[in-house]
Amino acid sequence: MNGHPLFTREIQMIRRCPTLSLHAFSMLALLIATGLIAPRDVEAQEDNAAWAALASGGHVALMRHALAPGTGDPAGFSRDDCATQRNLSTQGRAQARAIGERFRERGIAVNEVRASRWCRCLDTAELLGLGEVIPTPALDSFFRDRGAADRQTRELGELIEAWSGEGALVLVTHQVNITALTGVYPRSGEILVLAPEDGALELVGRLGN
């Protein structure tokens, strides 16, 4: 798994479920292999751990925008004209609303919401209904401008590393940005819960993967 140097890669297997020690993780893998525990039960435990981390404060929800059919943007698109971009589908808009509702059901306090200036990210962030959305250039897509990848990835890492709010920081961005930082290829609407810790970014869990 490749990603930004700030990202702590060696902990991924265990940090998917942060309540597990290495021994417990090995035992859990054995139970799954022998059919004594279902993978969906493990997924539920991982989800609960990720939500609990967000609820505890000081964590970052790094989210790929909701469902928007296609790849990249049409030729000649303009960032200032939503009609020229790849936008959320009806399903994607419903997905974003549902994710926001899960935050509210879980009682997640959100201190700040930031989004890429692309319409599908701004719309996702607005539909979450978690607070005022701050357009943030560091979250913009570099799908068509790979020369900006290193700079933006560094800026995104620094933004996350500097977070110290009592609640959660929600960042809505694009697949390319998330993959460049973490090495993870997220699904539409998927959230990576990150913990800025000792100059590194730890992946606490994934929601919606």
N, C-alpha and C. Protein backbone atom coordinates (compact mmCIF):
# COMPACT_ATOMS: atom_id res chain seq x y z
N MET A 1 0.85 -1.19 0.00
CA MET A 1 0.00 0.00 0.00
C MET A 1 0.89 1.24 0.00
N ASN A 2 0.77 2.07 -1.02
CA ASN A 2 1.58 3.26 -1.11
C ASN A 2 0.76 4.47 -0.70
N GLY A 3 1.44 5.51 -0.26
CA GLY A 3 0.74 6.72 0.13
C GLY A 3 1.73 7.76 0.59
N HIS A 4 1.22 8.86 1.10
CA HIS A 4 2.04 9.96 1.57
C HIS A 4 2.89 9.51 2.75
N PRO A 5 4.15 10.06 2.87
CA PRO A 5 5.02 9.65 3.98
C PRO A 5 4.41 9.86 5.36
N LEU A 6 3.48 10.81 5.51
CA LEU A 6 2.84 11.03 6.81
C LEU A 6 1.97 9.85 7.22
N PHE A 7 1.56 9.07 6.23
CA PHE A 7 0.60 8.02 6.52
C PHE A 7 1.30 6.79 7.05
N THR A 8 0.81 6.26 8.16
CA THR A 8 1.41 5.10 8.81
C THR A 8 0.87 3.83 8.17
N ARG A 9 1.65 3.21 7.31
CA ARG A 9 1.15 2.08 6.52
C ARG A 9 1.22 0.76 7.27
N GLU A 10 2.25 0.59 8.10
CA GLU A 10 2.49 -0.72 8.69
C GLU A 10 1.41 -1.15 9.68
N ILE A 11 0.54 -0.23 10.07
CA ILE A 11 -0.47 -0.56 11.07
C ILE A 11 -1.81 -0.92 10.46
N GLN A 12 -1.90 -0.95 9.12
CA GLN A 12 -3.21 -1.06 8.51
C GLN A 12 -3.99 -2.29 8.93
N MET A 13 -3.36 -3.45 8.96
CA MET A 13 -4.09 -4.68 9.24
C MET A 13 -4.72 -4.65 10.62
N ILE A 14 -3.97 -4.16 11.61
CA ILE A 14 -4.49 -4.13 12.97
C ILE A 14 -5.40 -2.93 13.17
N ARG A 15 -5.06 -1.78 12.58
CA ARG A 15 -5.83 -0.57 12.83
C ARG A 15 -7.21 -0.61 12.18
N ARG A 16 -7.45 -1.53 11.24
CA ARG A 16 -8.81 -1.68 10.72
C ARG A 16 -9.78 -1.92 11.86
N CYS A 17 -9.30 -2.56 12.93
CA CYS A 17 -10.13 -2.75 14.13
C CYS A 17 -9.26 -2.44 15.34
N PRO A 18 -9.18 -1.18 15.77
CA PRO A 18 -8.17 -0.75 16.72
C PRO A 18 -8.28 -1.36 18.10
N THR A 19 -9.38 -2.04 18.40
CA THR A 19 -9.51 -2.65 19.72
C THR A 19 -8.81 -4.01 19.80
N LEU A 20 -8.26 -4.47 18.67
CA LEU A 20 -7.66 -5.80 18.63
C LEU A 20 -6.15 -5.74 18.79
N SER A 21 -5.58 -6.60 19.60
CA SER A 21 -4.15 -6.78 19.65
C SER A 21 -3.75 -7.70 18.50
N LEU A 22 -2.44 -7.85 18.26
CA LEU A 22 -1.98 -8.73 17.19
C LEU A 22 -2.43 -10.16 17.45
N HIS A 23 -2.35 -10.60 18.70
CA HIS A 23 -2.79 -11.96 19.04
C HIS A 23 -4.28 -12.11 18.78
N ALA A 24 -5.05 -11.11 19.22
CA ALA A 24 -6.50 -11.19 19.03
C ALA A 24 -6.85 -11.17 17.55
N PHE A 25 -6.09 -10.39 16.78
CA PHE A 25 -6.35 -10.34 15.34
C PHE A 25 -6.10 -11.70 14.72
N SER A 26 -5.02 -12.39 15.13
CA SER A 26 -4.72 -13.71 14.61
C SER A 26 -5.83 -14.70 14.97
N MET A 27 -6.31 -14.63 16.19
CA MET A 27 -7.39 -15.51 16.62
C MET A 27 -8.67 -15.22 15.84
N LEU A 28 -8.92 -13.94 15.58
CA LEU A 28 -10.11 -13.56 14.83
C LEU A 28 -10.04 -14.11 13.41
N ALA A 29 -8.85 -14.02 12.80
CA ALA A 29 -8.68 -14.55 11.45
C ALA A 29 -8.94 -16.06 11.43
N LEU A 30 -8.49 -16.76 12.48
CA LEU A 30 -8.71 -18.20 12.58
C LEU A 30 -10.20 -18.51 12.71
N LEU A 31 -10.91 -17.74 13.52
CA LEU A 31 -12.35 -17.95 13.70
C LEU A 31 -13.10 -17.73 12.40
N ILE A 32 -12.69 -16.73 11.63
CA ILE A 32 -13.34 -16.49 10.34
C ILE A 32 -13.07 -17.65 9.40
N ALA A 33 -11.80 -18.11 9.37
CA ALA A 33 -11.42 -19.19 8.46
C ALA A 33 -12.16 -20.48 8.77
N THR A 34 -12.45 -20.72 10.04
CA THR A 34 -13.14 -21.95 10.43
C THR A 34 -14.66 -21.79 10.44
N GLY A 35 -15.13 -20.60 10.10
CA GLY A 35 -16.56 -20.38 9.99
C GLY A 35 -17.27 -20.16 11.31
N LEU A 36 -16.50 -19.95 12.39
CA LEU A 36 -17.11 -19.75 13.70
C LEU A 36 -17.58 -18.32 13.92
N ILE A 37 -17.13 -17.42 13.07
CA ILE A 37 -17.60 -16.04 13.13
C ILE A 37 -17.73 -15.52 11.70
N ALA A 38 -18.77 -14.76 11.44
CA ALA A 38 -19.03 -14.29 10.08
C ALA A 38 -18.27 -12.99 9.80
N PRO A 39 -17.75 -12.83 8.56
CA PRO A 39 -17.07 -11.59 8.21
C PRO A 39 -17.92 -10.35 8.47
N ARG A 40 -19.25 -10.49 8.28
CA ARG A 40 -20.10 -9.31 8.50
C ARG A 40 -20.09 -8.86 9.96
N ASP A 41 -19.86 -9.83 10.89
CA ASP A 41 -19.76 -9.46 12.30
C ASP A 41 -18.50 -8.64 12.56
N VAL A 42 -17.42 -9.02 11.86
CA VAL A 42 -16.17 -8.27 11.98
C VAL A 42 -16.35 -6.88 11.40
N GLU A 43 -17.02 -6.79 10.25
CA GLU A 43 -17.26 -5.49 9.62
C GLU A 43 -18.06 -4.58 10.54
N ALA A 44 -19.05 -5.16 11.22
CA ALA A 44 -19.87 -4.36 12.14
C ALA A 44 -19.02 -3.85 13.29
N GLN A 45 -18.11 -4.69 13.79
CA GLN A 45 -17.23 -4.28 14.88
C GLN A 45 -16.30 -3.16 14.42
N GLU A 46 -15.78 -3.30 13.20
CA GLU A 46 -14.91 -2.27 12.64
C GLU A 46 -15.66 -0.95 12.48
N ASP A 47 -16.89 -1.02 11.96
CA ASP A 47 -17.71 0.17 11.80
C ASP A 47 -17.93 0.85 13.15
N ASN A 48 -18.27 0.06 14.15
CA ASN A 48 -18.53 0.62 15.48
C ASN A 48 -17.28 1.29 16.05
N ALA A 49 -16.12 0.69 15.81
CA ALA A 49 -14.87 1.27 16.30
C ALA A 49 -14.58 2.60 15.60
N ALA A 50 -14.84 2.65 14.30
CA ALA A 50 -14.60 3.89 13.55
C ALA A 50 -15.55 4.99 13.99
N TRP A 51 -16.84 4.65 14.16
CA TRP A 51 -17.80 5.64 14.63
C TRP A 51 -17.44 6.11 16.04
N ALA A 52 -17.00 5.19 16.88
CA ALA A 52 -16.62 5.56 18.25
C ALA A 52 -15.44 6.52 18.25
N ALA A 53 -14.51 6.30 17.33
CA ALA A 53 -13.36 7.20 17.23
C ALA A 53 -13.81 8.60 16.83
N LEU A 54 -14.71 8.69 15.86
CA LEU A 54 -15.22 9.99 15.45
C LEU A 54 -15.95 10.68 16.61
N ALA A 55 -16.71 9.90 17.35
CA ALA A 55 -17.47 10.47 18.48
C ALA A 55 -16.56 10.96 19.60
N SER A 56 -15.37 10.39 19.69
CA SER A 56 -14.45 10.76 20.77
C SER A 56 -13.78 12.11 20.53
N GLY A 57 -13.87 12.62 19.29
CA GLY A 57 -13.29 13.92 18.98
C GLY A 57 -11.86 13.84 18.49
N GLY A 58 -11.42 14.89 17.80
CA GLY A 58 -10.04 14.97 17.36
C GLY A 58 -9.70 14.11 16.15
N HIS A 59 -10.70 13.49 15.52
CA HIS A 59 -10.45 12.64 14.37
C HIS A 59 -10.95 13.31 13.08
N VAL A 60 -10.52 12.75 11.97
CA VAL A 60 -10.84 13.31 10.66
C VAL A 60 -11.60 12.28 9.83
N ALA A 61 -12.72 12.71 9.24
CA ALA A 61 -13.48 11.87 8.32
C ALA A 61 -13.13 12.31 6.90
N LEU A 62 -12.28 11.54 6.25
CA LEU A 62 -11.85 11.84 4.88
C LEU A 62 -12.74 11.06 3.93
N MET A 63 -13.57 11.76 3.20
CA MET A 63 -14.66 11.13 2.44
C MET A 63 -14.52 11.37 0.94
N ARG A 64 -14.74 10.31 0.17
CA ARG A 64 -14.89 10.48 -1.28
C ARG A 64 -16.34 10.94 -1.53
N HIS A 65 -16.50 11.83 -2.48
CA HIS A 65 -17.85 12.32 -2.81
C HIS A 65 -18.80 11.16 -3.11
N ALA A 66 -20.08 11.42 -2.98
CA ALA A 66 -21.10 10.39 -3.22
C ALA A 66 -21.16 10.02 -4.70
N LEU A 67 -22.02 9.06 -5.01
CA LEU A 67 -22.09 8.48 -6.36
C LEU A 67 -22.28 9.54 -7.45
N ALA A 68 -21.37 9.51 -8.41
CA ALA A 68 -21.41 10.40 -9.57
C ALA A 68 -20.94 9.58 -10.76
N PRO A 69 -21.84 9.07 -11.58
CA PRO A 69 -21.48 8.16 -12.66
C PRO A 69 -20.41 8.73 -13.59
N GLY A 70 -19.48 7.85 -13.99
CA GLY A 70 -18.44 8.25 -14.92
C GLY A 70 -17.08 8.33 -14.25
N THR A 71 -16.11 8.87 -15.00
CA THR A 71 -14.74 9.01 -14.52
C THR A 71 -14.23 10.40 -14.88
N GLY A 72 -13.57 11.05 -13.94
CA GLY A 72 -13.04 12.37 -14.23
C GLY A 72 -14.15 13.36 -14.56
N ASP A 73 -13.85 14.26 -15.50
CA ASP A 73 -14.83 15.25 -15.95
C ASP A 73 -14.80 15.32 -17.46
N PRO A 74 -15.89 15.78 -18.08
CA PRO A 74 -15.93 15.91 -19.54
C PRO A 74 -14.85 16.88 -20.04
N ALA A 75 -14.42 16.68 -21.26
CA ALA A 75 -13.44 17.59 -21.86
C ALA A 75 -14.01 19.00 -21.88
N GLY A 76 -13.16 19.97 -21.56
CA GLY A 76 -13.58 21.36 -21.59
C GLY A 76 -14.43 21.79 -20.41
N PHE A 77 -14.46 20.99 -19.35
CA PHE A 77 -15.28 21.36 -18.19
C PHE A 77 -14.72 22.61 -17.53
N SER A 78 -15.57 23.28 -16.78
CA SER A 78 -15.17 24.45 -16.00
C SER A 78 -15.52 24.21 -14.55
N ARG A 79 -14.58 24.51 -13.66
CA ARG A 79 -14.84 24.33 -12.23
C ARG A 79 -15.95 25.26 -11.75
N ASP A 80 -16.14 26.35 -12.45
CA ASP A 80 -17.14 27.34 -12.04
C ASP A 80 -18.51 27.09 -12.65
N ASP A 81 -18.64 26.03 -13.43
CA ASP A 81 -19.92 25.74 -14.10
C ASP A 81 -20.28 24.28 -13.87
N CYS A 82 -21.20 24.05 -12.94
CA CYS A 82 -21.57 22.67 -12.59
C CYS A 82 -22.11 21.90 -13.79
N ALA A 83 -22.74 22.59 -14.72
CA ALA A 83 -23.34 21.92 -15.87
C ALA A 83 -22.30 21.26 -16.76
N THR A 84 -21.04 21.66 -16.64
CA THR A 84 -19.98 21.09 -17.47
C THR A 84 -19.24 19.95 -16.77
N GLN A 85 -19.58 19.67 -15.52
CA GLN A 85 -18.86 18.69 -14.72
C GLN A 85 -19.62 17.37 -14.60
N ARG A 86 -18.92 16.36 -14.08
CA ARG A 86 -19.57 15.11 -13.67
C ARG A 86 -20.22 15.36 -12.32
N ASN A 87 -21.51 15.15 -12.24
CA ASN A 87 -22.25 15.51 -11.03
C ASN A 87 -22.87 14.31 -10.34
N LEU A 88 -23.36 14.53 -9.13
CA LEU A 88 -24.03 13.48 -8.37
C LEU A 88 -25.28 13.02 -9.10
N SER A 89 -25.51 11.71 -9.06
CA SER A 89 -26.76 11.16 -9.56
C SER A 89 -27.83 11.31 -8.48
N THR A 90 -29.07 10.99 -8.82
CA THR A 90 -30.13 11.00 -7.82
C THR A 90 -29.78 10.06 -6.68
N GLN A 91 -29.21 8.90 -7.02
CA GLN A 91 -28.79 7.95 -6.00
C GLN A 91 -27.68 8.53 -5.13
N GLY A 92 -26.76 9.26 -5.77
CA GLY A 92 -25.67 9.87 -5.02
C GLY A 92 -26.15 10.92 -4.04
N ARG A 93 -27.14 11.70 -4.46
CA ARG A 93 -27.69 12.72 -3.56
C ARG A 93 -28.37 12.07 -2.35
N ALA A 94 -29.09 10.99 -2.61
CA ALA A 94 -29.72 10.26 -1.51
C ALA A 94 -28.66 9.63 -0.60
N GLN A 95 -27.59 9.14 -1.21
CA GLN A 95 -26.50 8.54 -0.43
C GLN A 95 -25.88 9.57 0.51
N ALA A 96 -25.63 10.77 0.02
CA ALA A 96 -25.04 11.82 0.85
C ALA A 96 -25.95 12.18 2.02
N ARG A 97 -27.24 12.30 1.75
CA ARG A 97 -28.18 12.61 2.84
C ARG A 97 -28.18 11.50 3.90
N ALA A 98 -28.13 10.25 3.43
CA ALA A 98 -28.16 9.11 4.36
C ALA A 98 -26.90 9.08 5.23
N ILE A 99 -25.76 9.42 4.65
CA ILE A 99 -24.52 9.44 5.42
C ILE A 99 -24.59 10.52 6.50
N GLY A 100 -25.10 11.68 6.13
CA GLY A 100 -25.26 12.74 7.12
C GLY A 100 -26.18 12.32 8.25
N GLU A 101 -27.22 11.58 7.91
CA GLU A 101 -28.15 11.11 8.94
C GLU A 101 -27.46 10.14 9.89
N ARG A 102 -26.55 9.33 9.37
CA ARG A 102 -25.82 8.41 10.24
C ARG A 102 -24.94 9.17 11.23
N PHE A 103 -24.35 10.28 10.79
CA PHE A 103 -23.58 11.11 11.72
C PHE A 103 -24.48 11.60 12.86
N ARG A 104 -25.67 12.04 12.50
CA ARG A 104 -26.59 12.57 13.52
C ARG A 104 -27.08 11.46 14.44
N GLU A 105 -27.38 10.30 13.87
CA GLU A 105 -27.84 9.18 14.70
C GLU A 105 -26.77 8.74 15.70
N ARG A 106 -25.52 8.84 15.27
CA ARG A 106 -24.41 8.43 16.13
C ARG A 106 -23.98 9.53 17.09
N GLY A 107 -24.58 10.71 16.96
CA GLY A 107 -24.23 11.81 17.84
C GLY A 107 -22.84 12.36 17.62
N ILE A 108 -22.36 12.33 16.36
CA ILE A 108 -21.02 12.81 16.05
C ILE A 108 -21.01 14.34 16.01
N ALA A 109 -20.22 14.95 16.86
CA ALA A 109 -20.06 16.40 16.85
C ALA A 109 -19.07 16.78 15.75
N VAL A 110 -19.50 17.59 14.81
CA VAL A 110 -18.66 18.00 13.69
C VAL A 110 -18.30 19.47 13.87
N ASN A 111 -17.01 19.74 13.96
CA ASN A 111 -16.56 21.12 14.15
C ASN A 111 -16.40 21.87 12.84
N GLU A 112 -16.06 21.13 11.78
CA GLU A 112 -15.76 21.82 10.53
C GLU A 112 -15.99 20.87 9.36
N VAL A 113 -16.51 21.43 8.26
CA VAL A 113 -16.73 20.66 7.03
C VAL A 113 -16.04 21.40 5.90
N ARG A 114 -15.15 20.71 5.21
CA ARG A 114 -14.44 21.28 4.06
C ARG A 114 -14.66 20.38 2.85
N ALA A 115 -14.60 20.99 1.67
CA ALA A 115 -14.83 20.21 0.45
C ALA A 115 -14.02 20.77 -0.71
N SER A 116 -13.71 19.90 -1.64
CA SER A 116 -13.17 20.31 -2.93
C SER A 116 -14.13 21.30 -3.57
N ARG A 117 -13.60 22.16 -4.43
CA ARG A 117 -14.44 23.15 -5.09
C ARG A 117 -15.22 22.57 -6.26
N TRP A 118 -15.02 21.28 -6.57
CA TRP A 118 -15.81 20.61 -7.61
C TRP A 118 -17.25 20.45 -7.11
N CYS A 119 -18.19 20.60 -8.01
CA CYS A 119 -19.61 20.62 -7.62
C CYS A 119 -20.06 19.33 -6.94
N ARG A 120 -19.55 18.18 -7.39
CA ARG A 120 -20.00 16.92 -6.79
C ARG A 120 -19.54 16.80 -5.34
N CYS A 121 -18.41 17.44 -5.01
CA CYS A 121 -17.95 17.43 -3.62
C CYS A 121 -18.69 18.46 -2.78
N LEU A 122 -18.88 19.66 -3.32
CA LEU A 122 -19.64 20.68 -2.60
C LEU A 122 -21.06 20.21 -2.35
N ASP A 123 -21.67 19.58 -3.37
CA ASP A 123 -23.04 19.08 -3.20
C ASP A 123 -23.10 17.98 -2.14
N THR A 124 -22.13 17.07 -2.19
CA THR A 124 -22.08 16.01 -1.17
C THR A 124 -22.00 16.61 0.22
N ALA A 125 -21.08 17.56 0.39
CA ALA A 125 -20.88 18.17 1.70
C ALA A 125 -22.13 18.91 2.17
N GLU A 126 -22.79 19.62 1.26
CA GLU A 126 -24.01 20.35 1.63
C GLU A 126 -25.12 19.37 2.02
N LEU A 127 -25.25 18.28 1.26
CA LEU A 127 -26.32 17.32 1.52
C LEU A 127 -26.10 16.54 2.81
N LEU A 128 -24.86 16.45 3.26
CA LEU A 128 -24.60 15.82 4.56
C LEU A 128 -25.34 16.57 5.67
N GLY A 129 -25.46 17.88 5.50
CA GLY A 129 -26.18 18.69 6.48
C GLY A 129 -25.49 18.77 7.83
N LEU A 130 -24.16 18.82 7.82
CA LEU A 130 -23.40 18.79 9.07
C LEU A 130 -22.81 20.14 9.44
N GLY A 131 -23.11 21.16 8.67
CA GLY A 131 -22.58 22.49 8.97
C GLY A 131 -22.17 23.22 7.72
N GLU A 132 -21.75 24.46 7.92
CA GLU A 132 -21.30 25.29 6.80
C GLU A 132 -20.13 24.62 6.08
N VAL A 133 -20.16 24.65 4.76
CA VAL A 133 -19.12 24.00 3.95
C VAL A 133 -18.09 25.03 3.51
N ILE A 134 -16.83 24.73 3.76
CA ILE A 134 -15.73 25.62 3.38
C ILE A 134 -15.05 25.06 2.13
N PRO A 135 -15.16 25.72 0.96
CA PRO A 135 -14.45 25.27 -0.23
C PRO A 135 -12.94 25.35 0.01
N THR A 136 -12.23 24.26 -0.29
CA THR A 136 -10.81 24.16 0.07
C THR A 136 -9.98 23.67 -1.11
N PRO A 137 -9.12 24.52 -1.68
CA PRO A 137 -8.33 24.14 -2.86
C PRO A 137 -7.49 22.88 -2.67
N ALA A 138 -6.99 22.63 -1.46
CA ALA A 138 -6.16 21.44 -1.23
C ALA A 138 -6.91 20.15 -1.48
N LEU A 139 -8.26 20.22 -1.49
CA LEU A 139 -9.09 19.03 -1.72
C LEU A 139 -9.51 18.89 -3.18
N ASP A 140 -9.16 19.87 -4.02
CA ASP A 140 -9.56 19.83 -5.43
C ASP A 140 -8.97 18.63 -6.16
N SER A 141 -9.67 18.15 -7.16
CA SER A 141 -9.20 17.02 -7.96
C SER A 141 -7.97 17.42 -8.78
N PHE A 142 -6.99 16.50 -8.83
CA PHE A 142 -5.86 16.70 -9.75
C PHE A 142 -5.84 15.57 -10.80
N PHE A 143 -7.03 15.02 -11.07
CA PHE A 143 -7.15 13.93 -12.05
C PHE A 143 -6.58 14.35 -13.40
N ARG A 144 -6.84 15.60 -13.80
CA ARG A 144 -6.35 16.10 -15.09
C ARG A 144 -5.10 16.97 -14.95
N ASP A 145 -4.58 17.08 -13.75
CA ASP A 145 -3.39 17.90 -13.51
C ASP A 145 -2.49 17.18 -12.53
N ARG A 146 -1.88 16.08 -12.98
CA ARG A 146 -1.08 15.25 -12.08
C ARG A 146 0.16 15.99 -11.57
N GLY A 147 0.51 17.08 -12.23
CA GLY A 147 1.64 17.87 -11.75
C GLY A 147 1.37 18.52 -10.41
N ALA A 148 0.09 18.65 -10.06
CA ALA A 148 -0.28 19.26 -8.78
C ALA A 148 -0.40 18.23 -7.66
N ALA A 149 -0.21 16.95 -7.99
CA ALA A 149 -0.47 15.88 -7.02
C ALA A 149 0.39 15.99 -5.77
N ASP A 150 1.70 16.15 -5.94
CA ASP A 150 2.59 16.19 -4.78
C ASP A 150 2.27 17.37 -3.87
N ARG A 151 2.08 18.53 -4.47
CA ARG A 151 1.81 19.72 -3.66
C ARG A 151 0.49 19.59 -2.90
N GLN A 152 -0.56 19.18 -3.61
CA GLN A 152 -1.86 19.07 -2.95
C GLN A 152 -1.89 17.97 -1.91
N THR A 153 -1.21 16.88 -2.19
CA THR A 153 -1.17 15.78 -1.21
C THR A 153 -0.44 16.23 0.05
N ARG A 154 0.63 16.98 -0.14
CA ARG A 154 1.35 17.51 1.03
C ARG A 154 0.45 18.46 1.82
N GLU A 155 -0.26 19.35 1.11
CA GLU A 155 -1.14 20.31 1.78
C GLU A 155 -2.28 19.59 2.51
N LEU A 156 -2.83 18.54 1.89
CA LEU A 156 -3.90 17.79 2.54
C LEU A 156 -3.39 17.09 3.80
N GLY A 157 -2.20 16.49 3.70
CA GLY A 157 -1.62 15.83 4.86
C GLY A 157 -1.38 16.81 6.00
N GLU A 158 -0.91 18.00 5.66
CA GLU A 158 -0.65 19.02 6.68
C GLU A 158 -1.96 19.51 7.31
N LEU A 159 -3.01 19.63 6.48
CA LEU A 159 -4.31 20.05 6.99
C LEU A 159 -4.85 19.05 8.01
N ILE A 160 -4.72 17.77 7.68
CA ILE A 160 -5.21 16.73 8.58
C ILE A 160 -4.35 16.64 9.84
N GLU A 161 -3.03 16.69 9.63
CA GLU A 161 -2.12 16.55 10.77
C GLU A 161 -2.32 17.67 11.79
N ALA A 162 -2.71 18.85 11.30
CA ALA A 162 -2.87 20.01 12.18
C ALA A 162 -4.19 20.02 12.93
N TRP A 163 -5.10 19.08 12.59
CA TRP A 163 -6.42 19.12 13.21
C TRP A 163 -6.35 18.75 14.69
N SER A 164 -6.95 19.59 15.51
CA SER A 164 -6.97 19.32 16.95
C SER A 164 -8.28 19.76 17.58
N GLY A 165 -9.33 19.87 16.79
CA GLY A 165 -10.63 20.28 17.31
C GLY A 165 -11.23 19.25 18.24
N GLU A 166 -12.15 19.69 19.07
CA GLU A 166 -12.81 18.77 19.99
C GLU A 166 -13.72 17.80 19.26
N GLY A 167 -14.29 18.23 18.14
CA GLY A 167 -15.16 17.37 17.35
C GLY A 167 -14.42 16.81 16.15
N ALA A 168 -15.19 16.40 15.15
CA ALA A 168 -14.61 15.81 13.95
C ALA A 168 -14.42 16.86 12.86
N LEU A 169 -13.42 16.63 12.03
CA LEU A 169 -13.21 17.40 10.82
C LEU A 169 -13.66 16.53 9.66
N VAL A 170 -14.60 17.01 8.85
CA VAL A 170 -15.10 16.27 7.69
C VAL A 170 -14.52 16.89 6.43
N LEU A 171 -13.85 16.07 5.62
CA LEU A 171 -13.23 16.52 4.38
C LEU A 171 -13.82 15.71 3.23
N VAL A 172 -14.41 16.38 2.25
CA VAL A 172 -15.00 15.70 1.10
C VAL A 172 -14.14 15.99 -0.13
N THR A 173 -13.61 14.94 -0.73
CA THR A 173 -12.68 15.11 -1.83
C THR A 173 -12.87 14.01 -2.87
N HIS A 174 -11.81 13.68 -3.60
CA HIS A 174 -11.90 12.77 -4.75
C HIS A 174 -11.05 11.52 -4.51
N GLN A 175 -11.33 10.49 -5.30
CA GLN A 175 -10.58 9.24 -5.18
C GLN A 175 -9.09 9.45 -5.34
N VAL A 176 -8.68 10.23 -6.37
CA VAL A 176 -7.25 10.39 -6.63
C VAL A 176 -6.54 11.03 -5.44
N ASN A 177 -7.20 11.98 -4.80
CA ASN A 177 -6.59 12.65 -3.66
C ASN A 177 -6.42 11.71 -2.48
N ILE A 178 -7.47 10.92 -2.22
CA ILE A 178 -7.42 9.99 -1.08
C ILE A 178 -6.38 8.90 -1.32
N THR A 179 -6.34 8.37 -2.53
CA THR A 179 -5.38 7.32 -2.84
C THR A 179 -3.95 7.83 -2.76
N ALA A 180 -3.71 9.05 -3.24
CA ALA A 180 -2.36 9.62 -3.19
C ALA A 180 -1.88 9.77 -1.76
N LEU A 181 -2.78 10.12 -0.86
CA LEU A 181 -2.40 10.33 0.54
C LEU A 181 -2.26 9.03 1.31
N THR A 182 -3.19 8.09 1.09
CA THR A 182 -3.28 6.91 1.96
C THR A 182 -2.95 5.59 1.29
N GLY A 183 -2.99 5.54 -0.05
CA GLY A 183 -2.83 4.27 -0.74
C GLY A 183 -4.11 3.48 -0.83
N VAL A 184 -5.19 4.00 -0.25
CA VAL A 184 -6.50 3.33 -0.26
C VAL A 184 -7.31 3.82 -1.45
N TYR A 185 -7.97 2.89 -2.15
CA TYR A 185 -8.87 3.25 -3.25
C TYR A 185 -10.30 3.19 -2.71
N PRO A 186 -10.87 4.33 -2.37
CA PRO A 186 -12.19 4.33 -1.72
C PRO A 186 -13.34 4.23 -2.72
N ARG A 187 -14.45 3.67 -2.27
CA ARG A 187 -15.67 3.69 -3.06
C ARG A 187 -16.34 5.05 -2.94
N SER A 188 -17.27 5.32 -3.83
CA SER A 188 -18.04 6.56 -3.74
C SER A 188 -18.77 6.61 -2.39
N GLY A 189 -18.63 7.71 -1.70
CA GLY A 189 -19.27 7.87 -0.40
C GLY A 189 -18.55 7.20 0.76
N GLU A 190 -17.44 6.53 0.50
CA GLU A 190 -16.71 5.88 1.59
C GLU A 190 -15.95 6.90 2.42
N ILE A 191 -15.84 6.63 3.71
CA ILE A 191 -15.14 7.52 4.64
C ILE A 191 -13.97 6.78 5.27
N LEU A 192 -12.80 7.41 5.26
CA LEU A 192 -11.65 6.92 6.01
C LEU A 192 -11.55 7.74 7.28
N VAL A 193 -11.57 7.09 8.42
CA VAL A 193 -11.44 7.78 9.70
C VAL A 193 -9.96 7.79 10.07
N LEU A 194 -9.40 8.99 10.16
CA LEU A 194 -7.97 9.16 10.41
C LEU A 194 -7.73 9.83 11.75
N ALA A 195 -6.62 9.44 12.37
CA ALA A 195 -6.19 10.04 13.63
C ALA A 195 -4.82 10.67 13.43
N PRO A 196 -4.74 12.01 13.49
CA PRO A 196 -3.42 12.65 13.46
C PRO A 196 -2.69 12.32 14.77
N GLU A 197 -1.52 11.71 14.65
CA GLU A 197 -0.86 11.23 15.87
C GLU A 197 0.65 11.22 15.69
N ASP A 198 1.34 12.03 16.49
CA ASP A 198 2.81 12.04 16.51
C ASP A 198 3.40 12.23 15.12
N GLY A 199 2.87 13.19 14.37
CA GLY A 199 3.42 13.49 13.06
C GLY A 199 3.05 12.51 11.97
N ALA A 200 2.15 11.58 12.26
CA ALA A 200 1.72 10.60 11.26
C ALA A 200 0.20 10.56 11.23
N LEU A 201 -0.34 9.95 10.19
CA LEU A 201 -1.78 9.79 10.05
C LEU A 201 -2.11 8.32 10.16
N GLU A 202 -2.89 7.96 11.16
CA GLU A 202 -3.25 6.56 11.36
C GLU A 202 -4.67 6.31 10.87
N LEU A 203 -4.85 5.22 10.13
CA LEU A 203 -6.17 4.83 9.65
C LEU A 203 -6.86 4.03 10.75
N VAL A 204 -7.87 4.65 11.35
CA VAL A 204 -8.61 3.99 12.43
C VAL A 204 -9.63 3.01 11.87
N GLY A 205 -10.26 3.36 10.75
CA GLY A 205 -11.25 2.47 10.16
C GLY A 205 -11.83 3.07 8.89
N ARG A 206 -12.65 2.26 8.21
CA ARG A 206 -13.30 2.68 6.97
C ARG A 206 -14.79 2.45 7.11
N LEU A 207 -15.56 3.44 6.69
CA LEU A 207 -17.01 3.37 6.77
C LEU A 207 -17.59 3.39 5.37
N GLY A 208 -18.39 2.35 5.06
CA GLY A 208 -19.01 2.28 3.75
C GLY A 208 -18.17 1.61 2.70
N ASN A 209 -17.11 0.87 3.10
CA ASN A 209 -16.25 0.20 2.12
C ASN A 209 -16.83 -1.13 1.71
